[in-house]
Amino acid sequence: MYMVCAAETMFSQIVGQLKKEFETSVFAQWIEGAFLLTCVMVQPVWVKLAEKFGRPWPLFVSIVIFMAFSIMVGAAKDMGVMVVGRALQGVGGAGMMPLALVVLTDILTPSERPVYMGLLGAVVVLGKWTGPLVGAALLEHSSWRWAGYLNLPAGAGAVAILAVVLYDMPTPPGSAAHKLREFDYLGTLFWLGGSMMILLGLSFGGSEHPWRSVTIICLFVFGFIAILVFAGIEAKLAKWPIIPLRVLSRPRTLLALVSSLFIGVSMYGTIMFTPVYYMFVLSEGPLASAKHIMWVVLGGCLGSVVAGLLVNVRGRVFYREWAVLGTAMMTVGYGLLYLWPADPQATGKHAGYQVLVGLGLGFCMQQVLLAAQAGLPVDEISTVTTLVDYARTLGGMVGLVIGQVILKEKMFETVRNSFGLLAPSQLEGQDVVDLEGMAPMLGILPQSMAQPVYDGIVRALNLVFVADVPFAALACIMCLFLANIPLHVILPARRSEEIPESLRKLHRNANPT
């Protein structure tokens, strides 16, 4: 999971170098977007394959795909190959992330699950927030190509461990030929097509095409039509639907999905834009700027572990309370980021505000997932687990779009109000990463000319952070209505013969009494 989470954000610090090396900015914005696009789209398909063919093989295949196209990313010689490699790398990542959650849910008892989900939440925070730091470190001390190659030893180690632990995990009955015949190909086609059109609309809007353009409107309209057709197929035609619509009929599941969506919207923008903020406030390079986000990592890891340990007290669970506390802290934290002083000496405020946001993220992320899993039949847990992760990642794409739109508009305003050296037309079609190239360019200008632009960009970044406040607040409101249902009350215990021998040994070793 760390590999996938880090891969989502690692290239935020590398894109500028790729533009120089490949001598083009065409498709540069897709280096990050292509990975997120496929990672979001394909998740439900992987989980359905795992339900029908067993957990191990889809998980192994997804890791191998991720590793194979990590090689393509590391060896890329032009921007087109890089974007295609990132997109196909995302196909593998789409299976690794949810299937890791599903396998953990399978092998853990209900009483163990909150603790381990808390640890897993710490890994997610660590991966997403240290991705930019790792990317900047590779860029400064080695080569950006290791952003692809480093996944090979890590992936090989993961496959080896999983092969030992899951080697005798039972496979659902039925022949492979029968399962392939009954697979929901038509539903998969409309799901992937509809998801792609909607996500492309979000990615192209405001950058490649105006939001009101025919292209963007058509992408959204036909995308939503395809999703409606998909829903009809799942309800009436599919024998093994990718997303059984009954899982969406429960209010508590919908609450968890909407909460996760809003958490994702508020989280991803801050991940991507915080290093850029420090690049301008402190006039530091990519690595030094990325180091400052470690305060969020510290708070997020600590919060996730603490919430996982304390969510179950004397038989009572407190998913709702931790989720509400976490989203409330995020709301306050994002509001304080708006007040971030453009002062290199204000390290206390810079660190404290980030720790507050990190603690909030740690407190709420996995608790929303646990609340969604509680009270579900065993055969629906994997689907709901995937949908919660899907909603958070989809929210992340929305959050990035919102941040880019705000930043671009405020940059136009800053340039117009400051001086005519840069015309707004020069920013057309550019993405937020171009700010990295502006910092050294402004450094050669006279202070009287450069300072207004610096100040305007810092104000724009403050607005990007404060734009997360309403989404974190909406997540907090949604979490108020989550139910504190103990996992073991509704879910039937798994029969001992359904649990592989390797997992029973692990459980006995961990619980010798």
Foldseek 3Di string as FASTA:
>chain_A
DLLLLLCLAQCLQVLVVQCVQQVHCVCSLLLNVLLLLLLLQCQLVLLLCCLQFNLLPSLLVLLVQLLVLLLQCLPDRHDVSNNVSSNSNSNSNSNNVLSVVVVLVVLDDLVQVLQVLLQVQLSSLCRNLCSLLVNQCCVVPNHNSVSSVVSVVVSVVVSVVCCLQCVPQDTDDDDPVVCVVQDPPVLSVLSNQLSNLQLVLLVCDPFVDDNPDPSSVVSNVVSVVSVVVSVVCLVPPHPSRSFNCVLVVDPLLVLLLLLLLLLLLQPQLCSSCQLLLCCLLVVDRSNVSSVLLVLLSVLQSVLSNVLSVPQADPNFGDLLVLQLQLLVLLLVLLLLLLVDDSHPVPSVSSNVSSSSNSNSSNSHLSSSLSLSQAQDEPSCNSSSSSSSVSSSSVSNSNNQSVLFNLLLVLLQVLCVVQDVPDHNVVCHNPTPSCSSVVSVVLVVDDCSRSVSSSVSNSSSSSVSSNVSNVSSVVSSVSSNPRDRHRRPPNYDDDDPVSGDPSSVVVVCVVPVD
